[in-house]
Amino acid sequence: GGELGGELGGGGKADEEALEREAFVKIVRAMQGYASDAAEEVHRWERNFEKLSEAHRTLLSHHRDKHVEAYRCVRRNDEFFRNMLESFTGDDVPPHLQVPPPPPG
């Protein structure tokens, strides 16, 4: 059988660092896309709420406040993620921890 970096890969530390960088970039991309993804989820809640009968919407009218609160939380979390990612920019950050710019669009 082959272990990682053994018979199969052979690249050792360079392969491990490349995999670590790839995982890091995936996490960064998730943080960069958080606000739009989370806001779309709350919007889905709102669309589903509007599909309910008037009687059910009346019973669950407190959910409108929950939607507003969810958007507020999305904004706050996004600000946290942006500030955290900003700390991984600059000349003093090792190259493997440098945050790439967000993709266009």
PDB file of N, CA and C in Angstrom:
ATOM      1  N   GLY A   1       0.819  -1.184   0.000  1.00  0.00           N
ATOM      2  CA  GLY A   1       0.000   0.000   0.000  1.00  0.00           C
ATOM      3  C   GLY A   1       0.853   1.233   0.000  1.00  0.00           C
ATOM      4  N   GLY A   2       0.290   2.332  -0.480  1.00  0.00           N
ATOM      5  CA  GLY A   2       1.058   3.574  -0.533  1.00  0.00           C
ATOM      6  C   GLY A   2       0.548   4.574   0.482  1.00  0.00           C
ATOM      7  N   GLU A   3       1.486   5.196   1.162  1.00  0.00           N
ATOM      8  CA  GLU A   3       1.119   6.259   2.086  1.00  0.00           C
ATOM      9  C   GLU A   3       1.192   7.587   1.353  1.00  0.00           C
ATOM     10  N   LEU A   4       0.578   8.618   1.928  1.00  0.00           N
ATOM     11  CA  LEU A   4       0.679   9.942   1.330  1.00  0.00           C
ATOM     12  C   LEU A   4       2.143  10.327   1.230  1.00  0.00           C
ATOM     13  N   GLY A   5       2.553  10.782   0.061  1.00  0.00           N
ATOM     14  CA  GLY A   5       3.932  11.182  -0.134  1.00  0.00           C
ATOM     15  C   GLY A   5       4.850   9.997  -0.344  1.00  0.00           C
ATOM     16  N   GLY A   6       4.335   8.797  -0.272  1.00  0.00           N
ATOM     17  CA  GLY A   6       5.142   7.604  -0.466  1.00  0.00           C
ATOM     18  C   GLY A   6       5.173   7.207  -1.922  1.00  0.00           C
ATOM     19  N   GLU A   7       4.743   6.008  -2.193  1.00  0.00           N
ATOM     20  CA  GLU A   7       4.785   5.475  -3.546  1.00  0.00           C
ATOM     21  C   GLU A   7       3.911   6.265  -4.512  1.00  0.00           C
ATOM     22  N   LEU A   8       2.785   6.782  -4.018  1.00  0.00           N
ATOM     23  CA  LEU A   8       1.815   7.415  -4.904  1.00  0.00           C
ATOM     24  C   LEU A   8       2.215   8.811  -5.340  1.00  0.00           C
ATOM     25  N   GLY A   9       2.580   9.675  -4.409  1.00  0.00           N
ATOM     26  CA  GLY A   9       2.832  11.068  -4.754  1.00  0.00           C
ATOM     27  C   GLY A   9       4.301  11.375  -4.911  1.00  0.00           C
ATOM     28  N   GLY A  10       5.055  11.077  -3.895  1.00  0.00           N
ATOM     29  CA  GLY A  10       6.474  11.283  -3.949  1.00  0.00           C
ATOM     30  C   GLY A  10       6.914  12.722  -3.758  1.00  0.00           C
ATOM     31  N   GLY A  11       6.001  13.696  -3.783  1.00  0.00           N
ATOM     32  CA  GLY A  11       6.392  15.094  -3.694  1.00  0.00           C
ATOM     33  C   GLY A  11       6.692  15.554  -2.288  1.00  0.00           C
ATOM     34  N   GLY A  12       6.193  14.812  -1.306  1.00  0.00           N
ATOM     35  CA  GLY A  12       6.479  15.137   0.081  1.00  0.00           C
ATOM     36  C   GLY A  12       5.967  16.483   0.527  1.00  0.00           C
ATOM     37  N   LYS A  13       6.887  17.292   1.089  1.00  0.00           N
ATOM     38  CA  LYS A  13       6.528  18.563   1.707  1.00  0.00           C
ATOM     39  C   LYS A  13       5.896  19.532   0.710  1.00  0.00           C
ATOM     40  N   ALA A  14       6.382  19.576  -0.512  1.00  0.00           N
ATOM     41  CA  ALA A  14       5.815  20.493  -1.516  1.00  0.00           C
ATOM     42  C   ALA A  14       4.360  20.132  -1.808  1.00  0.00           C
ATOM     43  N   ASP A  15       4.054  18.844  -1.933  1.00  0.00           N
ATOM     44  CA  ASP A  15       2.680  18.412  -2.177  1.00  0.00           C
ATOM     45  C   ASP A  15       1.791  18.754  -0.980  1.00  0.00           C
ATOM     46  N   GLU A  16       2.315  18.533   0.203  1.00  0.00           N
ATOM     47  CA  GLU A  16       1.555  18.827   1.422  1.00  0.00           C
ATOM     48  C   GLU A  16       1.246  20.319   1.513  1.00  0.00           C
ATOM     49  N   GLU A  17       2.231  21.156   1.207  1.00  0.00           N
ATOM     50  CA  GLU A  17       2.016  22.604   1.239  1.00  0.00           C
ATOM     51  C   GLU A  17       1.019  23.043   0.174  1.00  0.00           C
ATOM     52  N   ALA A  18       1.062  22.419  -0.993  1.00  0.00           N
ATOM     53  CA  ALA A  18       0.112  22.756  -2.062  1.00  0.00           C
ATOM     54  C   ALA A  18      -1.306  22.377  -1.647  1.00  0.00           C
ATOM     55  N   LEU A  19      -1.470  21.216  -1.019  1.00  0.00           N
ATOM     56  CA  LEU A  19      -2.792  20.799  -0.538  1.00  0.00           C
ATOM     57  C   LEU A  19      -3.291  21.730   0.563  1.00  0.00           C
ATOM     58  N   GLU A  20      -2.379  22.128   1.440  1.00  0.00           N
ATOM     59  CA  GLU A  20      -2.754  23.050   2.514  1.00  0.00           C
ATOM     60  C   GLU A  20      -3.180  24.394   1.924  1.00  0.00           C
ATOM     61  N   ARG A  21      -2.454  24.888   0.931  1.00  0.00           N
ATOM     62  CA  ARG A  21      -2.796  26.155   0.287  1.00  0.00           C
ATOM     63  C   ARG A  21      -4.155  26.044  -0.398  1.00  0.00           C
ATOM     64  N   GLU A  22      -4.392  24.927  -1.074  1.00  0.00           N
ATOM     65  CA  GLU A  22      -5.672  24.714  -1.752  1.00  0.00           C
ATOM     66  C   GLU A  22      -6.828  24.739  -0.752  1.00  0.00           C
ATOM     67  N   ALA A  23      -6.653  24.092   0.387  1.00  0.00           N
ATOM     68  CA  ALA A  23      -7.689  24.077   1.426  1.00  0.00           C
ATOM     69  C   ALA A  23      -7.886  25.482   1.989  1.00  0.00           C
ATOM     70  N   PHE A  24      -6.785  26.201   2.202  1.00  0.00           N
ATOM     71  CA  PHE A  24      -6.857  27.572   2.710  1.00  0.00           C
ATOM     72  C   PHE A  24      -7.641  28.465   1.758  1.00  0.00           C
ATOM     73  N   VAL A  25      -7.362  28.358   0.467  1.00  0.00           N
ATOM     74  CA  VAL A  25      -8.057  29.185  -0.527  1.00  0.00           C
ATOM     75  C   VAL A  25      -9.545  28.844  -0.567  1.00  0.00           C
ATOM     76  N   LYS A  26      -9.901  27.575  -0.412  1.00  0.00           N
ATOM     77  CA  LYS A  26     -11.319  27.197  -0.373  1.00  0.00           C
ATOM     78  C   LYS A  26     -12.024  27.869   0.807  1.00  0.00           C
ATOM     79  N   ILE A  27     -11.371  27.886   1.952  1.00  0.00           N
ATOM     80  CA  ILE A  27     -11.950  28.524   3.135  1.00  0.00           C
ATOM     81  C   ILE A  27     -12.097  30.027   2.894  1.00  0.00           C
ATOM     82  N   VAL A  28     -11.073  30.635   2.325  1.00  0.00           N
ATOM     83  CA  VAL A  28     -11.119  32.069   2.022  1.00  0.00           C
ATOM     84  C   VAL A  28     -12.269  32.370   1.070  1.00  0.00           C
ATOM     85  N   ARG A  29     -12.403  31.563   0.009  1.00  0.00           N
ATOM     86  CA  ARG A  29     -13.478  31.795  -0.968  1.00  0.00           C
ATOM     87  C   ARG A  29     -14.851  31.661  -0.306  1.00  0.00           C
ATOM     88  N   ALA A  30     -14.988  30.712   0.612  1.00  0.00           N
ATOM     89  CA  ALA A  30     -16.267  30.565   1.328  1.00  0.00           C
ATOM     90  C   ALA A  30     -16.555  31.816   2.151  1.00  0.00           C
ATOM     91  N   MET A  31     -15.542  32.352   2.806  1.00  0.00           N
ATOM     92  CA  MET A  31     -15.734  33.572   3.601  1.00  0.00           C
ATOM     93  C   MET A  31     -16.054  34.763   2.703  1.00  0.00           C
ATOM     94  N   GLN A  32     -15.383  34.832   1.561  1.00  0.00           N
ATOM     95  CA  GLN A  32     -15.622  35.948   0.644  1.00  0.00           C
ATOM     96  C   GLN A  32     -17.027  35.890   0.047  1.00  0.00           C
ATOM     97  N   GLY A  33     -17.566  34.702  -0.127  1.00  0.00           N
ATOM     98  CA  GLY A  33     -18.898  34.559  -0.698  1.00  0.00           C
ATOM     99  C   GLY A  33     -20.009  34.445   0.329  1.00  0.00           C
ATOM    100  N   TYR A  34     -19.641  34.515   1.601  1.00  0.00           N
ATOM    101  CA  TYR A  34     -20.611  34.299   2.673  1.00  0.00           C
ATOM    102  C   TYR A  34     -21.823  35.219   2.574  1.00  0.00           C
ATOM    103  N   ALA A  35     -21.593  36.517   2.434  1.00  0.00           N
ATOM    104  CA  ALA A  35     -22.697  37.486   2.499  1.00  0.00           C
ATOM    105  C   ALA A  35     -23.752  37.208   1.443  1.00  0.00           C
ATOM    106  N   SER A  36     -23.331  36.987   0.212  1.00  0.00           N
ATOM    107  CA  SER A  36     -24.326  36.753  -0.838  1.00  0.00           C
ATOM    108  C   SER A  36     -25.014  35.403  -0.656  1.00  0.00           C
ATOM    109  N   ASP A  37     -24.260  34.375  -0.254  1.00  0.00           N
ATOM    110  CA  ASP A  37     -24.864  33.061  -0.039  1.00  0.00           C
ATOM    111  C   ASP A  37     -25.861  33.088   1.121  1.00  0.00           C
ATOM    112  N   ALA A  38     -25.472  33.719   2.229  1.00  0.00           N
ATOM    113  CA  ALA A  38     -26.340  33.768   3.405  1.00  0.00           C
ATOM    114  C   ALA A  38     -27.572  34.636   3.143  1.00  0.00           C
ATOM    115  N   ALA A  39     -27.379  35.762   2.456  1.00  0.00           N
ATOM    116  CA  ALA A  39     -28.521  36.629   2.144  1.00  0.00           C
ATOM    117  C   ALA A  39     -29.502  35.910   1.222  1.00  0.00           C
ATOM    118  N   GLU A  40     -28.985  35.125   0.295  1.00  0.00           N
ATOM    119  CA  GLU A  40     -29.876  34.354  -0.592  1.00  0.00           C
ATOM    120  C   GLU A  40     -30.678  33.329   0.215  1.00  0.00           C
ATOM    121  N   GLU A  41     -30.075  32.749   1.221  1.00  0.00           N
ATOM    122  CA  GLU A  41     -30.791  31.794   2.075  1.00  0.00           C
ATOM    123  C   GLU A  41     -31.919  32.491   2.831  1.00  0.00           C
ATOM    124  N   VAL A  42     -31.673  33.674   3.376  1.00  0.00           N
ATOM    125  CA  VAL A  42     -32.717  34.416   4.086  1.00  0.00           C
ATOM    126  C   VAL A  42     -33.813  34.828   3.097  1.00  0.00           C
ATOM    127  N   HIS A  43     -33.399  35.202   1.905  1.00  0.00           N
ATOM    128  CA  HIS A  43     -34.386  35.564   0.883  1.00  0.00           C
ATOM    129  C   HIS A  43     -35.285  34.352   0.551  1.00  0.00           C
ATOM    130  N   ARG A  44     -34.682  33.171   0.536  1.00  0.00           N
ATOM    131  CA  ARG A  44     -35.461  31.940   0.308  1.00  0.00           C
ATOM    132  C   ARG A  44     -36.488  31.760   1.424  1.00  0.00           C
ATOM    133  N   TRP A  45     -36.076  32.039   2.667  1.00  0.00           N
ATOM    134  CA  TRP A  45     -37.026  31.972   3.791  1.00  0.00           C
ATOM    135  C   TRP A  45     -38.194  32.908   3.538  1.00  0.00           C
ATOM    136  N   GLU A  46     -37.892  34.114   3.083  1.00  0.00           N
ATOM    137  CA  GLU A  46     -38.951  35.107   2.842  1.00  0.00           C
ATOM    138  C   GLU A  46     -39.890  34.649   1.729  1.00  0.00           C
ATOM    139  N   ARG A  47     -39.324  34.114   0.671  1.00  0.00           N
ATOM    140  CA  ARG A  47     -40.169  33.620  -0.432  1.00  0.00           C
ATOM    141  C   ARG A  47     -41.071  32.488   0.042  1.00  0.00           C
ATOM    142  N   ASN A  48     -40.533  31.572   0.818  1.00  0.00           N
ATOM    143  CA  ASN A  48     -41.339  30.472   1.343  1.00  0.00           C
ATOM    144  C   ASN A  48     -42.413  30.974   2.299  1.00  0.00           C
ATOM    145  N   PHE A  49     -42.066  31.956   3.105  1.00  0.00           N
ATOM    146  CA  PHE A  49     -43.045  32.546   4.025  1.00  0.00           C
ATOM    147  C   PHE A  49     -44.214  33.135   3.238  1.00  0.00           C
ATOM    148  N   GLU A  50     -43.911  33.825   2.145  1.00  0.00           N
ATOM    149  CA  GLU A  50     -44.961  34.462   1.340  1.00  0.00           C
ATOM    150  C   GLU A  50     -45.859  33.434   0.638  1.00  0.00           C
ATOM    151  N   LYS A  51     -45.383  32.216   0.500  1.00  0.00           N
ATOM    152  CA  LYS A  51     -46.189  31.158  -0.126  1.00  0.00           C
ATOM    153  C   LYS A  51     -47.223  30.570   0.832  1.00  0.00           C
ATOM    154  N   LEU A  52     -47.066  30.858   2.122  1.00  0.00           N
ATOM    155  CA  LEU A  52     -48.020  30.346   3.113  1.00  0.00           C
ATOM    156  C   LEU A  52     -49.374  31.038   2.943  1.00  0.00           C
ATOM    157  N   SER A  53     -50.379  30.379   3.447  1.00  0.00           N
ATOM    158  CA  SER A  53     -51.707  31.004   3.434  1.00  0.00           C
ATOM    159  C   SER A  53     -51.690  32.227   4.350  1.00  0.00           C
ATOM    160  N   GLU A  54     -52.645  33.106   4.146  1.00  0.00           N
ATOM    161  CA  GLU A  54     -52.736  34.309   4.979  1.00  0.00           C
ATOM    162  C   GLU A  54     -52.870  33.938   6.459  1.00  0.00           C
ATOM    163  N   ALA A  55     -53.651  32.902   6.737  1.00  0.00           N
ATOM    164  CA  ALA A  55     -53.845  32.475   8.132  1.00  0.00           C
ATOM    165  C   ALA A  55     -52.519  32.025   8.758  1.00  0.00           C
ATOM    166  N   HIS A  56     -51.729  31.267   8.004  1.00  0.00           N
ATOM    167  CA  HIS A  56     -50.436  30.810   8.527  1.00  0.00           C
ATOM    168  C   HIS A  56     -49.452  31.968   8.670  1.00  0.00           C
ATOM    169  N   ARG A  57     -49.458  32.882   7.714  1.00  0.00           N
ATOM    170  CA  ARG A  57     -48.573  34.053   7.826  1.00  0.00           C
ATOM    171  C   ARG A  57     -48.923  34.875   9.063  1.00  0.00           C
ATOM    172  N   THR A  58     -50.214  34.962   9.367  1.00  0.00           N
ATOM    173  CA  THR A  58     -50.643  35.700  10.554  1.00  0.00           C
ATOM    174  C   THR A  58     -50.149  35.001  11.816  1.00  0.00           C
ATOM    175  N   LEU A  59     -50.290  33.676  11.852  1.00  0.00           N
ATOM    176  CA  LEU A  59     -49.813  32.919  13.016  1.00  0.00           C
ATOM    177  C   LEU A  59     -48.298  33.052  13.199  1.00  0.00           C
ATOM    178  N   LEU A  60     -47.598  33.179  12.087  1.00  0.00           N
ATOM    179  CA  LEU A  60     -46.129  33.223  12.130  1.00  0.00           C
ATOM    180  C   LEU A  60     -45.577  34.626  11.842  1.00  0.00           C
ATOM    181  N   SER A  61     -46.371  35.630  12.122  1.00  0.00           N
ATOM    182  CA  SER A  61     -45.967  36.997  11.775  1.00  0.00           C
ATOM    183  C   SER A  61     -44.654  37.415  12.444  1.00  0.00           C
ATOM    184  N   HIS A  62     -44.327  36.800  13.591  1.00  0.00           N
ATOM    185  CA  HIS A  62     -43.058  37.111  14.262  1.00  0.00           C
ATOM    186  C   HIS A  62     -41.844  36.720  13.423  1.00  0.00           C
ATOM    187  N   HIS A  63     -42.067  35.876  12.410  1.00  0.00           N
ATOM    188  CA  HIS A  63     -40.951  35.456  11.556  1.00  0.00           C
ATOM    189  C   HIS A  63     -40.421  36.597  10.701  1.00  0.00           C
ATOM    190  N   ARG A  64     -41.244  37.577  10.410  1.00  0.00           N
ATOM    191  CA  ARG A  64     -40.743  38.733   9.647  1.00  0.00           C
ATOM    192  C   ARG A  64     -39.609  39.420  10.412  1.00  0.00           C
ATOM    193  N   ASP A  65     -39.759  39.540  11.725  1.00  0.00           N
ATOM    194  CA  ASP A  65     -38.689  40.124  12.544  1.00  0.00           C
ATOM    195  C   ASP A  65     -37.445  39.236  12.523  1.00  0.00           C
ATOM    196  N   LYS A  66     -37.655  37.936  12.478  1.00  0.00           N
ATOM    197  CA  LYS A  66     -36.513  37.013  12.412  1.00  0.00           C
ATOM    198  C   LYS A  66     -35.752  37.186  11.106  1.00  0.00           C
ATOM    199  N   HIS A  67     -36.477  37.466  10.029  1.00  0.00           N
ATOM    200  CA  HIS A  67     -35.802  37.691   8.739  1.00  0.00           C
ATOM    201  C   HIS A  67     -34.937  38.942   8.817  1.00  0.00           C
ATOM    202  N   VAL A  68     -35.481  40.007   9.384  1.00  0.00           N
ATOM    203  CA  VAL A  68     -34.726  41.253   9.535  1.00  0.00           C
ATOM    204  C   VAL A  68     -33.485  41.005  10.397  1.00  0.00           C
ATOM    205  N   GLU A  69     -33.659  40.289  11.483  1.00  0.00           N
ATOM    206  CA  GLU A  69     -32.536  39.972  12.374  1.00  0.00           C
ATOM    207  C   GLU A  69     -31.506  39.104  11.650  1.00  0.00           C
ATOM    208  N   ALA A  70     -31.947  38.173  10.830  1.00  0.00           N
ATOM    209  CA  ALA A  70     -31.018  37.317  10.083  1.00  0.00           C
ATOM    210  C   ALA A  70     -30.166  38.153   9.128  1.00  0.00           C
ATOM    211  N   TYR A  71     -30.782  39.104   8.428  1.00  0.00           N
ATOM    212  CA  TYR A  71     -30.005  39.984   7.542  1.00  0.00           C
ATOM    213  C   TYR A  71     -28.979  40.790   8.349  1.00  0.00           C
ATOM    214  N   ARG A  72     -29.368  41.236   9.532  1.00  0.00           N
ATOM    215  CA  ARG A  72     -28.443  41.986  10.385  1.00  0.00           C
ATOM    216  C   ARG A  72     -27.258  41.102  10.777  1.00  0.00           C
ATOM    217  N   CYS A  73     -27.539  39.863  11.112  1.00  0.00           N
ATOM    218  CA  CYS A  73     -26.478  38.920  11.474  1.00  0.00           C
ATOM    219  C   CYS A  73     -25.564  38.626  10.282  1.00  0.00           C
ATOM    220  N   VAL A  74     -26.150  38.504   9.114  1.00  0.00           N
ATOM    221  CA  VAL A  74     -25.351  38.279   7.907  1.00  0.00           C
ATOM    222  C   VAL A  74     -24.370  39.437   7.725  1.00  0.00           C
ATOM    223  N   ARG A  75     -24.857  40.663   7.855  1.00  0.00           N
ATOM    224  CA  ARG A  75     -23.973  41.829   7.696  1.00  0.00           C
ATOM    225  C   ARG A  75     -22.861  41.823   8.746  1.00  0.00           C
ATOM    226  N   ARG A  76     -23.224  41.519   9.983  1.00  0.00           N
ATOM    227  CA  ARG A  76     -22.225  41.509  11.066  1.00  0.00           C
ATOM    228  C   ARG A  76     -21.189  40.396  10.837  1.00  0.00           C
ATOM    229  N   ASN A  77     -21.643  39.219  10.477  1.00  0.00           N
ATOM    230  CA  ASN A  77     -20.715  38.118  10.215  1.00  0.00           C
ATOM    231  C   ASN A  77     -19.808  38.436   9.031  1.00  0.00           C
ATOM    232  N   ASP A  78     -20.382  39.035   7.986  1.00  0.00           N
ATOM    233  CA  ASP A  78     -19.581  39.384   6.815  1.00  0.00           C
ATOM    234  C   ASP A  78     -18.501  40.395   7.188  1.00  0.00           C
ATOM    235  N   GLU A  79     -18.858  41.348   8.009  1.00  0.00           N
ATOM    236  CA  GLU A  79     -17.864  42.327   8.459  1.00  0.00           C
ATOM    237  C   GLU A  79     -16.746  41.631   9.232  1.00  0.00           C
ATOM    238  N   PHE A  80     -17.104  40.695  10.092  1.00  0.00           N
ATOM    239  CA  PHE A  80     -16.112  39.919  10.840  1.00  0.00           C
ATOM    240  C   PHE A  80     -15.196  39.166   9.879  1.00  0.00           C
ATOM    241  N   PHE A  81     -15.775  38.468   8.896  1.00  0.00           N
ATOM    242  CA  PHE A  81     -14.962  37.709   7.938  1.00  0.00           C
ATOM    243  C   PHE A  81     -14.036  38.636   7.148  1.00  0.00           C
ATOM    244  N   ARG A  82     -14.569  39.769   6.686  1.00  0.00           N
ATOM    245  CA  ARG A  82     -13.734  40.705   5.917  1.00  0.00           C
ATOM    246  C   ARG A  82     -12.581  41.232   6.765  1.00  0.00           C
ATOM    247  N   ASN A  83     -12.848  41.574   8.018  1.00  0.00           N
ATOM    248  CA  ASN A  83     -11.777  42.051   8.904  1.00  0.00           C
ATOM    249  C   ASN A  83     -10.747  40.961   9.162  1.00  0.00           C
ATOM    250  N   MET A  84     -11.208  39.744   9.352  1.00  0.00           N
ATOM    251  CA  MET A  84     -10.284  38.643   9.583  1.00  0.00           C
ATOM    252  C   MET A  84      -9.411  38.404   8.352  1.00  0.00           C
ATOM    253  N   LEU A  85     -10.022  38.387   7.172  1.00  0.00           N
ATOM    254  CA  LEU A  85      -9.256  38.161   5.947  1.00  0.00           C
ATOM    255  C   LEU A  85      -8.276  39.301   5.695  1.00  0.00           C
ATOM    256  N   GLU A  86      -8.668  40.508   6.072  1.00  0.00           N
ATOM    257  CA  GLU A  86      -7.780  41.658   5.906  1.00  0.00           C
ATOM    258  C   GLU A  86      -6.498  41.487   6.710  1.00  0.00           C
ATOM    259  N   SER A  87      -6.584  40.776   7.829  1.00  0.00           N
ATOM    260  CA  SER A  87      -5.389  40.562   8.652  1.00  0.00           C
ATOM    261  C   SER A  87      -4.405  39.599   7.979  1.00  0.00           C
ATOM    262  N   PHE A  88      -4.833  38.940   6.912  1.00  0.00           N
ATOM    263  CA  PHE A  88      -3.967  38.032   6.174  1.00  0.00           C
ATOM    264  C   PHE A  88      -3.480  38.670   4.872  1.00  0.00           C
ATOM    265  N   THR A  89      -3.360  39.980   4.868  1.00  0.00           N
ATOM    266  CA  THR A  89      -2.797  40.686   3.718  1.00  0.00           C
ATOM    267  C   THR A  89      -1.608  41.496   4.202  1.00  0.00           C
ATOM    268  N   GLY A  90      -0.763  41.852   3.308  1.00  0.00           N
ATOM    269  CA  GLY A  90       0.398  42.661   3.672  1.00  0.00           C
ATOM    270  C   GLY A  90       1.691  41.901   3.526  1.00  0.00           C
ATOM    271  N   ASP A  91       2.763  42.651   3.592  1.00  0.00           N
ATOM    272  CA  ASP A  91       4.099  42.079   3.375  1.00  0.00           C
ATOM    273  C   ASP A  91       4.569  41.189   4.520  1.00  0.00           C
ATOM    274  N   ASP A  92       3.973  41.341   5.700  1.00  0.00           N
ATOM    275  CA  ASP A  92       4.413  40.567   6.862  1.00  0.00           C
ATOM    276  C   ASP A  92       3.740  39.199   6.971  1.00  0.00           C
ATOM    277  N   VAL A  93       2.862  38.874   6.016  1.00  0.00           N
ATOM    278  CA  VAL A  93       2.156  37.593   6.040  1.00  0.00           C
ATOM    279  C   VAL A  93       2.908  36.593   5.154  1.00  0.00           C
ATOM    280  N   PRO A  94       3.190  35.397   5.668  1.00  0.00           N
ATOM    281  CA  PRO A  94       3.876  34.399   4.842  1.00  0.00           C
ATOM    282  C   PRO A  94       3.095  34.124   3.551  1.00  0.00           C
ATOM    283  N   PRO A  95       3.788  33.869   2.456  1.00  0.00           N
ATOM    284  CA  PRO A  95       3.107  33.685   1.161  1.00  0.00           C
ATOM    285  C   PRO A  95       1.997  32.632   1.178  1.00  0.00           C
ATOM    286  N   HIS A  96       2.187  31.536   1.894  1.00  0.00           N
ATOM    287  CA  HIS A  96       1.174  30.479   1.880  1.00  0.00           C
ATOM    288  C   HIS A  96      -0.094  30.885   2.648  1.00  0.00           C
ATOM    289  N   LEU A  97      -0.021  31.994   3.416  1.00  0.00           N
ATOM    290  CA  LEU A  97      -1.192  32.476   4.141  1.00  0.00           C
ATOM    291  C   LEU A  97      -1.744  33.779   3.571  1.00  0.00           C
ATOM    292  N   GLN A  98      -1.212  34.218   2.456  1.00  0.00           N
ATOM    293  CA  GLN A  98      -1.709  35.434   1.805  1.00  0.00           C
ATOM    294  C   GLN A  98      -3.089  35.162   1.243  1.00  0.00           C
ATOM    295  N   VAL A  99      -4.005  36.062   1.514  1.00  0.00           N
ATOM    296  CA  VAL A  99      -5.376  35.927   1.010  1.00  0.00           C
ATOM    297  C   VAL A  99      -5.419  36.434  -0.429  1.00  0.00           C
ATOM    298  N   PRO A 100      -5.885  35.581  -1.342  1.00  0.00           N
ATOM    299  CA  PRO A 100      -6.018  36.047  -2.713  1.00  0.00           C
ATOM    300  C   PRO A 100      -7.178  37.031  -2.834  1.00  0.00           C
ATOM    301  N   PRO A 101      -7.138  37.924  -3.822  1.00  0.00           N
ATOM    302  CA  PRO A 101      -8.259  38.845  -3.991  1.00  0.00           C
ATOM    303  C   PRO A 101      -9.531  38.083  -4.361  1.00  0.00           C
ATOM    304  N   PRO A 102     -10.685  38.645  -4.042  1.00  0.00           N
ATOM    305  CA  PRO A 102     -11.931  37.967  -4.414  1.00  0.00           C
ATOM    306  C   PRO A 102     -12.031  37.827  -5.936  1.00  0.00           C
ATOM    307  N   PRO A 103     -12.642  36.757  -6.389  1.00  0.00           N
ATOM    308  CA  PRO A 103     -12.829  36.599  -7.835  1.00  0.00           C
ATOM    309  C   PRO A 103     -13.758  37.687  -8.370  1.00  0.00           C
ATOM    310  N   PRO A 104     -13.571  38.083  -9.627  1.00  0.00           N
ATOM    311  CA  PRO A 104     -14.451  39.115 -10.199  1.00  0.00           C
ATOM    312  C   PRO A 104     -15.906  38.624 -10.260  1.00  0.00           C
ATOM    313  N   GLY A 105     -16.803  39.588 -10.171  1.00  0.00           N
ATOM    314  CA  GLY A 105     -18.221  39.265 -10.300  1.00  0.00           C
ATOM    315  C   GLY A 105     -18.852  39.107  -9.027  1.00  0.00           C
TER     316      GLY A 105
END
